[in-house]
Amino acid sequence: MPVLIAAAVVLIGNLPFGYWRANVRKFSMQWALAIHIPVVLAIALRILGGIPFEPVTLAIMVAAFFLGQTAGQRVRAGLGAVLSVQLTSCLPLDLIRALMS
């Protein structure tokens, strides 16, 4: 699997986790889970995709990870500014609620 495809999967996969992390108290158990669950998934993707653990590929994957987390946080802030409904920690649920209203 090419590194850029894996990085795109990691970035998109981190959106809901960044969204979740933005709604919980910093350093709480949920906050730690929102950060560390996708780490395990990214490592599994690297292993299953046959992506070598080299400095360049590691930097690309780490950048994708943090960009996904940050983008998820910004999506939550953007939805909160646009919608008049109470947001939850679940990105798919809030998107469905936004489309219905």
PDB file of N, CA and C in Angstrom:
ATOM      1  N   MET A   1       0.855  -1.179   0.000  1.00  0.00           N
ATOM      2  CA  MET A   1       0.000   0.000   0.000  1.00  0.00           C
ATOM      3  C   MET A   1       0.899   1.240   0.000  1.00  0.00           C
ATOM      4  N   PRO A   2       0.632   2.180  -0.876  1.00  0.00           N
ATOM      5  CA  PRO A   2       1.424   3.415  -0.898  1.00  0.00           C
ATOM      6  C   PRO A   2       1.237   4.226   0.385  1.00  0.00           C
ATOM      7  N   VAL A   3       2.287   4.895   0.774  1.00  0.00           N
ATOM      8  CA  VAL A   3       2.283   5.654   2.023  1.00  0.00           C
ATOM      9  C   VAL A   3       1.236   6.773   1.998  1.00  0.00           C
ATOM     10  N   LEU A   4       1.077   7.447   0.885  1.00  0.00           N
ATOM     11  CA  LEU A   4       0.130   8.567   0.843  1.00  0.00           C
ATOM     12  C   LEU A   4      -1.322   8.100   0.971  1.00  0.00           C
ATOM     13  N   ILE A   5      -1.622   6.933   0.444  1.00  0.00           N
ATOM     14  CA  ILE A   5      -2.982   6.387   0.623  1.00  0.00           C
ATOM     15  C   ILE A   5      -3.208   6.040   2.088  1.00  0.00           C
ATOM     16  N   ALA A   6      -2.227   5.410   2.707  1.00  0.00           N
ATOM     17  CA  ALA A   6      -2.339   5.084   4.126  1.00  0.00           C
ATOM     18  C   ALA A   6      -2.455   6.352   4.962  1.00  0.00           C
ATOM     19  N   ALA A   7      -1.709   7.387   4.606  1.00  0.00           N
ATOM     20  CA  ALA A   7      -1.782   8.650   5.339  1.00  0.00           C
ATOM     21  C   ALA A   7      -3.166   9.284   5.198  1.00  0.00           C
ATOM     22  N   ALA A   8      -3.744   9.184   4.006  1.00  0.00           N
ATOM     23  CA  ALA A   8      -5.094   9.718   3.806  1.00  0.00           C
ATOM     24  C   ALA A   8      -6.110   8.955   4.651  1.00  0.00           C
ATOM     25  N   VAL A   9      -5.958   7.642   4.731  1.00  0.00           N
ATOM     26  CA  VAL A   9      -6.852   6.830   5.566  1.00  0.00           C
ATOM     27  C   VAL A   9      -6.697   7.221   7.037  1.00  0.00           C
ATOM     28  N   VAL A  10      -5.465   7.423   7.479  1.00  0.00           N
ATOM     29  CA  VAL A  10      -5.222   7.831   8.867  1.00  0.00           C
ATOM     30  C   VAL A  10      -5.822   9.203   9.132  1.00  0.00           C
ATOM     31  N   LEU A  11      -5.642  10.137   8.218  1.00  0.00           N
ATOM     32  CA  LEU A  11      -6.190  11.480   8.392  1.00  0.00           C
ATOM     33  C   LEU A  11      -7.715  11.436   8.500  1.00  0.00           C
ATOM     34  N   ILE A  12      -8.352  10.767   7.578  1.00  0.00           N
ATOM     35  CA  ILE A  12      -9.823  10.693   7.582  1.00  0.00           C
ATOM     36  C   ILE A  12     -10.322   9.899   8.790  1.00  0.00           C
ATOM     37  N   GLY A  13      -9.594   8.851   9.133  1.00  0.00           N
ATOM     38  CA  GLY A  13      -9.987   8.049  10.294  1.00  0.00           C
ATOM     39  C   GLY A  13      -9.863   8.789  11.607  1.00  0.00           C
ATOM     40  N   ASN A  14      -9.014   9.785  11.666  1.00  0.00           N
ATOM     41  CA  ASN A  14      -8.829  10.556  12.894  1.00  0.00           C
ATOM     42  C   ASN A  14      -9.842  11.677  13.067  1.00  0.00           C
ATOM     43  N   LEU A  15     -10.583  12.012  12.025  1.00  0.00           N
ATOM     44  CA  LEU A  15     -11.577  13.088  12.148  1.00  0.00           C
ATOM     45  C   LEU A  15     -12.569  12.845  13.286  1.00  0.00           C
ATOM     46  N   PRO A  16     -13.218  11.661  13.352  1.00  0.00           N
ATOM     47  CA  PRO A  16     -14.171  11.475  14.456  1.00  0.00           C
ATOM     48  C   PRO A  16     -13.505  11.448  15.831  1.00  0.00           C
ATOM     49  N   PHE A  17     -12.258  10.999  15.890  1.00  0.00           N
ATOM     50  CA  PHE A  17     -11.566  10.966  17.178  1.00  0.00           C
ATOM     51  C   PHE A  17     -11.170  12.367  17.632  1.00  0.00           C
ATOM     52  N   GLY A  18     -10.768  13.228  16.706  1.00  0.00           N
ATOM     53  CA  GLY A  18     -10.496  14.620  17.050  1.00  0.00           C
ATOM     54  C   GLY A  18     -11.758  15.356  17.458  1.00  0.00           C
ATOM     55  N   TYR A  19     -12.867  15.023  16.786  1.00  0.00           N
ATOM     56  CA  TYR A  19     -14.177  15.591  17.121  1.00  0.00           C
ATOM     57  C   TYR A  19     -14.566  15.185  18.544  1.00  0.00           C
ATOM     58  N   TRP A  20     -14.364  13.911  18.870  1.00  0.00           N
ATOM     59  CA  TRP A  20     -14.675  13.396  20.199  1.00  0.00           C
ATOM     60  C   TRP A  20     -13.784  14.060  21.238  1.00  0.00           C
ATOM     61  N   ARG A  21     -12.486  14.145  20.949  1.00  0.00           N
ATOM     62  CA  ARG A  21     -11.516  14.707  21.885  1.00  0.00           C
ATOM     63  C   ARG A  21     -11.837  16.164  22.208  1.00  0.00           C
ATOM     64  N   ALA A  22     -12.387  16.899  21.254  1.00  0.00           N
ATOM     65  CA  ALA A  22     -12.691  18.313  21.464  1.00  0.00           C
ATOM     66  C   ALA A  22     -13.834  18.521  22.442  1.00  0.00           C
ATOM     67  N   ASN A  23     -14.597  17.469  22.739  1.00  0.00           N
ATOM     68  CA  ASN A  23     -15.777  17.609  23.591  1.00  0.00           C
ATOM     69  C   ASN A  23     -15.571  17.038  24.992  1.00  0.00           C
ATOM     70  N   VAL A  24     -14.385  16.594  25.312  1.00  0.00           N
ATOM     71  CA  VAL A  24     -14.156  15.997  26.633  1.00  0.00           C
ATOM     72  C   VAL A  24     -13.077  16.786  27.371  1.00  0.00           C
ATOM     73  N   ARG A  25     -13.038  16.585  28.669  1.00  0.00           N
ATOM     74  CA  ARG A  25     -12.069  17.284  29.520  1.00  0.00           C
ATOM     75  C   ARG A  25     -10.660  16.774  29.225  1.00  0.00           C
ATOM     76  N   LYS A  26      -9.725  17.696  29.123  1.00  0.00           N
ATOM     77  CA  LYS A  26      -8.346  17.348  28.823  1.00  0.00           C
ATOM     78  C   LYS A  26      -7.767  16.442  29.909  1.00  0.00           C
ATOM     79  N   PHE A  27      -7.024  15.441  29.486  1.00  0.00           N
ATOM     80  CA  PHE A  27      -6.361  14.434  30.325  1.00  0.00           C
ATOM     81  C   PHE A  27      -7.335  13.498  31.031  1.00  0.00           C
ATOM     82  N   SER A  28      -8.593  13.469  30.596  1.00  0.00           N
ATOM     83  CA  SER A  28      -9.542  12.493  31.143  1.00  0.00           C
ATOM     84  C   SER A  28      -9.350  11.161  30.417  1.00  0.00           C
ATOM     85  N   MET A  29     -10.050  10.140  30.864  1.00  0.00           N
ATOM     86  CA  MET A  29      -9.938   8.817  30.233  1.00  0.00           C
ATOM     87  C   MET A  29     -10.442   8.875  28.791  1.00  0.00           C
ATOM     88  N   GLN A  30     -11.550   9.570  28.554  1.00  0.00           N
ATOM     89  CA  GLN A  30     -12.069   9.675  27.192  1.00  0.00           C
ATOM     90  C   GLN A  30     -11.093  10.427  26.288  1.00  0.00           C
ATOM     91  N   TRP A  31     -10.458  11.449  26.804  1.00  0.00           N
ATOM     92  CA  TRP A  31      -9.477  12.208  26.038  1.00  0.00           C
ATOM     93  C   TRP A  31      -8.312  11.304  25.638  1.00  0.00           C
ATOM     94  N   ALA A  32      -7.824  10.514  26.587  1.00  0.00           N
ATOM     95  CA  ALA A  32      -6.719   9.597  26.300  1.00  0.00           C
ATOM     96  C   ALA A  32      -7.128   8.535  25.277  1.00  0.00           C
ATOM     97  N   LEU A  33      -8.348   8.028  25.395  1.00  0.00           N
ATOM     98  CA  LEU A  33      -8.830   7.033  24.434  1.00  0.00           C
ATOM     99  C   LEU A  33      -8.976   7.632  23.039  1.00  0.00           C
ATOM    100  N   ALA A  34      -9.448   8.879  22.960  1.00  0.00           N
ATOM    101  CA  ALA A  34      -9.623   9.532  21.660  1.00  0.00           C
ATOM    102  C   ALA A  34      -8.288   9.738  20.951  1.00  0.00           C
ATOM    103  N   ILE A  35      -7.215   9.785  21.707  1.00  0.00           N
ATOM    104  CA  ILE A  35      -5.890   9.927  21.109  1.00  0.00           C
ATOM    105  C   ILE A  35      -5.261   8.570  20.817  1.00  0.00           C
ATOM    106  N   HIS A  36      -5.384   7.626  21.738  1.00  0.00           N
ATOM    107  CA  HIS A  36      -4.619   6.385  21.627  1.00  0.00           C
ATOM    108  C   HIS A  36      -5.285   5.276  20.821  1.00  0.00           C
ATOM    109  N   ILE A  37      -6.589   5.255  20.718  1.00  0.00           N
ATOM    110  CA  ILE A  37      -7.237   4.237  19.874  1.00  0.00           C
ATOM    111  C   ILE A  37      -6.803   4.394  18.422  1.00  0.00           C
ATOM    112  N   PRO A  38      -6.805   5.602  17.849  1.00  0.00           N
ATOM    113  CA  PRO A  38      -6.356   5.700  16.459  1.00  0.00           C
ATOM    114  C   PRO A  38      -4.863   5.430  16.270  1.00  0.00           C
ATOM    115  N   VAL A  39      -4.061   5.563  17.328  1.00  0.00           N
ATOM    116  CA  VAL A  39      -2.637   5.210  17.212  1.00  0.00           C
ATOM    117  C   VAL A  39      -2.514   3.721  16.915  1.00  0.00           C
ATOM    118  N   VAL A  40      -3.258   2.917  17.641  1.00  0.00           N
ATOM    119  CA  VAL A  40      -3.231   1.472  17.420  1.00  0.00           C
ATOM    120  C   VAL A  40      -3.713   1.141  16.011  1.00  0.00           C
ATOM    121  N   LEU A  41      -4.758   1.815  15.574  1.00  0.00           N
ATOM    122  CA  LEU A  41      -5.275   1.573  14.228  1.00  0.00           C
ATOM    123  C   LEU A  41      -4.271   1.993  13.152  1.00  0.00           C
ATOM    124  N   ALA A  42      -3.568   3.096  13.363  1.00  0.00           N
ATOM    125  CA  ALA A  42      -2.563   3.545  12.393  1.00  0.00           C
ATOM    126  C   ALA A  42      -1.389   2.577  12.325  1.00  0.00           C
ATOM    127  N   ILE A  43      -0.965   2.062  13.465  1.00  0.00           N
ATOM    128  CA  ILE A  43       0.128   1.087  13.473  1.00  0.00           C
ATOM    129  C   ILE A  43      -0.312  -0.193  12.781  1.00  0.00           C
ATOM    130  N   ALA A  44      -1.536  -0.639  13.044  1.00  0.00           N
ATOM    131  CA  ALA A  44      -2.043  -1.843  12.377  1.00  0.00           C
ATOM    132  C   ALA A  44      -2.112  -1.636  10.865  1.00  0.00           C
ATOM    133  N   LEU A  45      -2.513  -0.451  10.433  1.00  0.00           N
ATOM    134  CA  LEU A  45      -2.568  -0.147   9.003  1.00  0.00           C
ATOM    135  C   LEU A  45      -1.173  -0.202   8.385  1.00  0.00           C
ATOM    136  N   ARG A  46      -0.186   0.318   9.094  1.00  0.00           N
ATOM    137  CA  ARG A  46       1.198   0.265   8.600  1.00  0.00           C
ATOM    138  C   ARG A  46       1.674  -1.170   8.459  1.00  0.00           C
ATOM    139  N   ILE A  47       1.405  -1.983   9.456  1.00  0.00           N
ATOM    140  CA  ILE A  47       1.865  -3.373   9.428  1.00  0.00           C
ATOM    141  C   ILE A  47       1.144  -4.147   8.336  1.00  0.00           C
ATOM    142  N   LEU A  48      -0.180  -4.041   8.295  1.00  0.00           N
ATOM    143  CA  LEU A  48      -0.954  -4.779   7.294  1.00  0.00           C
ATOM    144  C   LEU A  48      -0.699  -4.265   5.880  1.00  0.00           C
ATOM    145  N   GLY A  49      -0.396  -2.982   5.739  1.00  0.00           N
ATOM    146  CA  GLY A  49      -0.128  -2.406   4.431  1.00  0.00           C
ATOM    147  C   GLY A  49       1.303  -2.608   3.964  1.00  0.00           C
ATOM    148  N   GLY A  50       2.141  -3.171   4.823  1.00  0.00           N
ATOM    149  CA  GLY A  50       3.529  -3.400   4.460  1.00  0.00           C
ATOM    150  C   GLY A  50       4.341  -2.125   4.332  1.00  0.00           C
ATOM    151  N   ILE A  51       3.966  -1.097   5.061  1.00  0.00           N
ATOM    152  CA  ILE A  51       4.687   0.173   5.008  1.00  0.00           C
ATOM    153  C   ILE A  51       5.857   0.098   5.984  1.00  0.00           C
ATOM    154  N   PRO A  52       7.077   0.295   5.507  1.00  0.00           N
ATOM    155  CA  PRO A  52       8.244   0.168   6.388  1.00  0.00           C
ATOM    156  C   PRO A  52       8.313   1.297   7.410  1.00  0.00           C
ATOM    157  N   PHE A  53       8.922   1.003   8.539  1.00  0.00           N
ATOM    158  CA  PHE A  53       9.101   1.990   9.595  1.00  0.00           C
ATOM    159  C   PHE A  53      10.399   2.744   9.327  1.00  0.00           C
ATOM    160  N   GLU A  54      10.330   3.676   8.386  1.00  0.00           N
ATOM    161  CA  GLU A  54      11.466   4.531   8.039  1.00  0.00           C
ATOM    162  C   GLU A  54      11.145   5.951   8.484  1.00  0.00           C
ATOM    163  N   PRO A  55      12.158   6.796   8.673  1.00  0.00           N
ATOM    164  CA  PRO A  55      11.901   8.164   9.151  1.00  0.00           C
ATOM    165  C   PRO A  55      10.928   8.960   8.273  1.00  0.00           C
ATOM    166  N   VAL A  56      11.035   8.824   6.960  1.00  0.00           N
ATOM    167  CA  VAL A  56      10.160   9.592   6.069  1.00  0.00           C
ATOM    168  C   VAL A  56       8.713   9.123   6.186  1.00  0.00           C
ATOM    169  N   THR A  57       8.497   7.819   6.163  1.00  0.00           N
ATOM    170  CA  THR A  57       7.130   7.310   6.257  1.00  0.00           C
ATOM    171  C   THR A  57       6.546   7.591   7.637  1.00  0.00           C
ATOM    172  N   LEU A  58       7.365   7.515   8.654  1.00  0.00           N
ATOM    173  CA  LEU A  58       6.901   7.823  10.002  1.00  0.00           C
ATOM    174  C   LEU A  58       6.461   9.281  10.094  1.00  0.00           C
ATOM    175  N   ALA A  59       7.252  10.186   9.523  1.00  0.00           N
ATOM    176  CA  ALA A  59       6.893  11.610   9.556  1.00  0.00           C
ATOM    177  C   ALA A  59       5.587  11.871   8.819  1.00  0.00           C
ATOM    178  N   ILE A  60       5.384  11.215   7.692  1.00  0.00           N
ATOM    179  CA  ILE A  60       4.146  11.394   6.921  1.00  0.00           C
ATOM    180  C   ILE A  60       2.951  10.899   7.719  1.00  0.00           C
ATOM    181  N   MET A  61       3.093   9.735   8.336  1.00  0.00           N
ATOM    182  CA  MET A  61       1.978   9.161   9.094  1.00  0.00           C
ATOM    183  C   MET A  61       1.670   9.983  10.351  1.00  0.00           C
ATOM    184  N   VAL A  62       2.693  10.461  11.037  1.00  0.00           N
ATOM    185  CA  VAL A  62       2.477  11.287  12.237  1.00  0.00           C
ATOM    186  C   VAL A  62       1.804  12.606  11.856  1.00  0.00           C
ATOM    187  N   ALA A  63       2.247  13.202  10.748  1.00  0.00           N
ATOM    188  CA  ALA A  63       1.612  14.444  10.289  1.00  0.00           C
ATOM    189  C   ALA A  63       0.143  14.208   9.945  1.00  0.00           C
ATOM    190  N   ALA A  64      -0.154  13.108   9.272  1.00  0.00           N
ATOM    191  CA  ALA A  64      -1.546  12.784   8.930  1.00  0.00           C
ATOM    192  C   ALA A  64      -2.371  12.579  10.196  1.00  0.00           C
ATOM    193  N   PHE A  65      -1.782  11.930  11.188  1.00  0.00           N
ATOM    194  CA  PHE A  65      -2.471  11.686  12.456  1.00  0.00           C
ATOM    195  C   PHE A  65      -2.868  13.014  13.110  1.00  0.00           C
ATOM    196  N   PHE A  66      -1.892  13.912  13.258  1.00  0.00           N
ATOM    197  CA  PHE A  66      -2.177  15.176  13.935  1.00  0.00           C
ATOM    198  C   PHE A  66      -3.085  16.081  13.114  1.00  0.00           C
ATOM    199  N   LEU A  67      -2.949  16.062  11.800  1.00  0.00           N
ATOM    200  CA  LEU A  67      -3.847  16.847  10.956  1.00  0.00           C
ATOM    201  C   LEU A  67      -5.285  16.349  11.088  1.00  0.00           C
ATOM    202  N   GLY A  68      -5.475  15.038  11.158  1.00  0.00           N
ATOM    203  CA  GLY A  68      -6.811  14.481  11.332  1.00  0.00           C
ATOM    204  C   GLY A  68      -7.419  14.862  12.668  1.00  0.00           C
ATOM    205  N   GLN A  69      -6.614  14.796  13.725  1.00  0.00           N
ATOM    206  CA  GLN A  69      -7.100  15.187  15.051  1.00  0.00           C
ATOM    207  C   GLN A  69      -7.487  16.665  15.078  1.00  0.00           C
ATOM    208  N   THR A  70      -6.638  17.507  14.503  1.00  0.00           N
ATOM    209  CA  THR A  70      -6.905  18.943  14.482  1.00  0.00           C
ATOM    210  C   THR A  70      -8.105  19.273  13.605  1.00  0.00           C
ATOM    211  N   ALA A  71      -8.209  18.624  12.471  1.00  0.00           N
ATOM    212  CA  ALA A  71      -9.352  18.868  11.579  1.00  0.00           C
ATOM    213  C   ALA A  71     -10.658  18.461  12.249  1.00  0.00           C
ATOM    214  N   GLY A  72     -10.660  17.342  12.966  1.00  0.00           N
ATOM    215  CA  GLY A  72     -11.857  16.919  13.684  1.00  0.00           C
ATOM    216  C   GLY A  72     -12.273  17.928  14.734  1.00  0.00           C
ATOM    217  N   GLN A  73     -11.294  18.489  15.419  1.00  0.00           N
ATOM    218  CA  GLN A  73     -11.580  19.517  16.422  1.00  0.00           C
ATOM    219  C   GLN A  73     -12.166  20.758  15.759  1.00  0.00           C
ATOM    220  N   ARG A  74     -11.639  21.136  14.616  1.00  0.00           N
ATOM    221  CA  ARG A  74     -12.139  22.327  13.918  1.00  0.00           C
ATOM    222  C   ARG A  74     -13.516  22.089  13.309  1.00  0.00           C
ATOM    223  N   VAL A  75     -13.784  20.866  12.869  1.00  0.00           N
ATOM    224  CA  VAL A  75     -15.120  20.537  12.362  1.00  0.00           C
ATOM    225  C   VAL A  75     -16.139  20.735  13.476  1.00  0.00           C
ATOM    226  N   ARG A  76     -15.800  20.298  14.678  1.00  0.00           N
ATOM    227  CA  ARG A  76     -16.713  20.455  15.807  1.00  0.00           C
ATOM    228  C   ARG A  76     -16.952  21.927  16.118  1.00  0.00           C
ATOM    229  N   ALA A  77     -15.902  22.711  16.099  1.00  0.00           N
ATOM    230  CA  ALA A  77     -16.055  24.150  16.362  1.00  0.00           C
ATOM    231  C   ALA A  77     -16.889  24.811  15.269  1.00  0.00           C
ATOM    232  N   GLY A  78     -16.676  24.408  14.034  1.00  0.00           N
ATOM    233  CA  GLY A  78     -17.456  24.966  12.929  1.00  0.00           C
ATOM    234  C   GLY A  78     -18.921  24.596  12.998  1.00  0.00           C
ATOM    235  N   LEU A  79     -19.200  23.329  13.317  1.00  0.00           N
ATOM    236  CA  LEU A  79     -20.599  22.911  13.445  1.00  0.00           C
ATOM    237  C   LEU A  79     -21.273  23.620  14.611  1.00  0.00           C
ATOM    238  N   GLY A  80     -20.533  23.796  15.685  1.00  0.00           N
ATOM    239  CA  GLY A  80     -21.098  24.483  16.841  1.00  0.00           C
ATOM    240  C   GLY A  80     -21.460  25.920  16.535  1.00  0.00           C
ATOM    241  N   ALA A  81     -20.670  26.555  15.666  1.00  0.00           N
ATOM    242  CA  ALA A  81     -20.951  27.943  15.312  1.00  0.00           C
ATOM    243  C   ALA A  81     -22.129  28.060  14.352  1.00  0.00           C
ATOM    244  N   VAL A  82     -22.344  27.032  13.524  1.00  0.00           N
ATOM    245  CA  VAL A  82     -23.375  27.084  12.491  1.00  0.00           C
ATOM    246  C   VAL A  82     -24.717  26.566  12.992  1.00  0.00           C
ATOM    247  N   LEU A  83     -24.689  25.501  13.780  1.00  0.00           N
ATOM    248  CA  LEU A  83     -25.931  24.852  14.203  1.00  0.00           C
ATOM    249  C   LEU A  83     -26.439  25.412  15.522  1.00  0.00           C
ATOM    250  N   SER A  84     -27.738  25.361  15.674  1.00  0.00           N
ATOM    251  CA  SER A  84     -28.341  25.811  16.926  1.00  0.00           C
ATOM    252  C   SER A  84     -28.691  24.635  17.829  1.00  0.00           C
ATOM    253  N   VAL A  85     -28.318  23.412  17.436  1.00  0.00           N
ATOM    254  CA  VAL A  85     -28.609  22.235  18.247  1.00  0.00           C
ATOM    255  C   VAL A  85     -27.422  21.923  19.149  1.00  0.00           C
ATOM    256  N   GLN A  86     -27.693  21.204  20.220  1.00  0.00           N
ATOM    257  CA  GLN A  86     -26.650  20.773  21.144  1.00  0.00           C
ATOM    258  C   GLN A  86     -25.811  19.685  20.478  1.00  0.00           C
ATOM    259  N   LEU A  87     -24.504  19.878  20.416  1.00  0.00           N
ATOM    260  CA  LEU A  87     -23.618  18.898  19.808  1.00  0.00           C
ATOM    261  C   LEU A  87     -23.259  17.810  20.813  1.00  0.00           C
ATOM    262  N   THR A  88     -23.025  16.597  20.294  1.00  0.00           N
ATOM    263  CA  THR A  88     -22.575  15.485  21.109  1.00  0.00           C
ATOM    264  C   THR A  88     -21.099  15.248  20.821  1.00  0.00           C
ATOM    265  N   SER A  89     -20.580  14.113  21.257  1.00  0.00           N
ATOM    266  CA  SER A  89     -19.200  13.737  20.957  1.00  0.00           C
ATOM    267  C   SER A  89     -19.112  12.858  19.718  1.00  0.00           C
ATOM    268  N   CYS A  90     -20.226  12.621  19.054  1.00  0.00           N
ATOM    269  CA  CYS A  90     -20.287  11.688  17.926  1.00  0.00           C
ATOM    270  C   CYS A  90     -20.461  12.455  16.617  1.00  0.00           C
ATOM    271  N   LEU A  91     -19.418  12.486  15.799  1.00  0.00           N
ATOM    272  CA  LEU A  91     -19.455  13.215  14.537  1.00  0.00           C
ATOM    273  C   LEU A  91     -20.548  12.717  13.595  1.00  0.00           C
ATOM    274  N   PRO A  92     -20.687  11.398  13.338  1.00  0.00           N
ATOM    275  CA  PRO A  92     -21.755  10.963  12.416  1.00  0.00           C
ATOM    276  C   PRO A  92     -23.143  11.362  12.892  1.00  0.00           C
ATOM    277  N   LEU A  93     -23.410  11.238  14.179  1.00  0.00           N
ATOM    278  CA  LEU A  93     -24.719  11.608  14.715  1.00  0.00           C
ATOM    279  C   LEU A  93     -24.986  13.101  14.531  1.00  0.00           C
ATOM    280  N   ASP A  94     -23.999  13.920  14.823  1.00  0.00           N
ATOM    281  CA  ASP A  94     -24.187  15.362  14.683  1.00  0.00           C
ATOM    282  C   ASP A  94     -24.348  15.766  13.219  1.00  0.00           C
ATOM    283  N   LEU A  95     -23.658  15.096  12.304  1.00  0.00           N
ATOM    284  CA  LEU A  95     -23.837  15.392  10.881  1.00  0.00           C
ATOM    285  C   LEU A  95     -25.241  15.025  10.403  1.00  0.00           C
ATOM    286  N   ILE A  96     -25.749  13.901  10.873  1.00  0.00           N
ATOM    287  CA  ILE A  96     -27.114  13.498  10.500  1.00  0.00           C
ATOM    288  C   ILE A  96     -28.114  14.498  11.065  1.00  0.00           C
ATOM    289  N   ARG A  97     -27.927  14.893  12.309  1.00  0.00           N
ATOM    290  CA  ARG A  97     -28.816  15.874  12.920  1.00  0.00           C
ATOM    291  C   ARG A  97     -28.748  17.209  12.187  1.00  0.00           C
ATOM    292  N   ALA A  98     -27.567  17.583  11.700  1.00  0.00           N
ATOM    293  CA  ALA A  98     -27.406  18.836  10.975  1.00  0.00           C
ATOM    294  C   ALA A  98     -28.129  18.772   9.636  1.00  0.00           C
ATOM    295  N   LEU A  99     -28.078  17.625   8.982  1.00  0.00           N
ATOM    296  CA  LEU A  99     -28.749  17.477   7.698  1.00  0.00           C
ATOM    297  C   LEU A  99     -30.263  17.450   7.849  1.00  0.00           C
ATOM    298  N   MET A 100     -30.747  16.949   8.971  1.00  0.00           N
ATOM    299  CA  MET A 100     -32.183  16.854   9.202  1.00  0.00           C
ATOM    300  C   MET A 100     -32.796  18.192   9.578  1.00  0.00           C
ATOM    301  N   SER A 101     -32.001  19.089  10.138  1.00  0.00           N
ATOM    302  CA  SER A 101     -32.581  20.367  10.563  1.00  0.00           C
ATOM    303  C   SER A 101     -32.485  21.422   9.506  1.00  0.00           C
TER     304      SER A 101
END
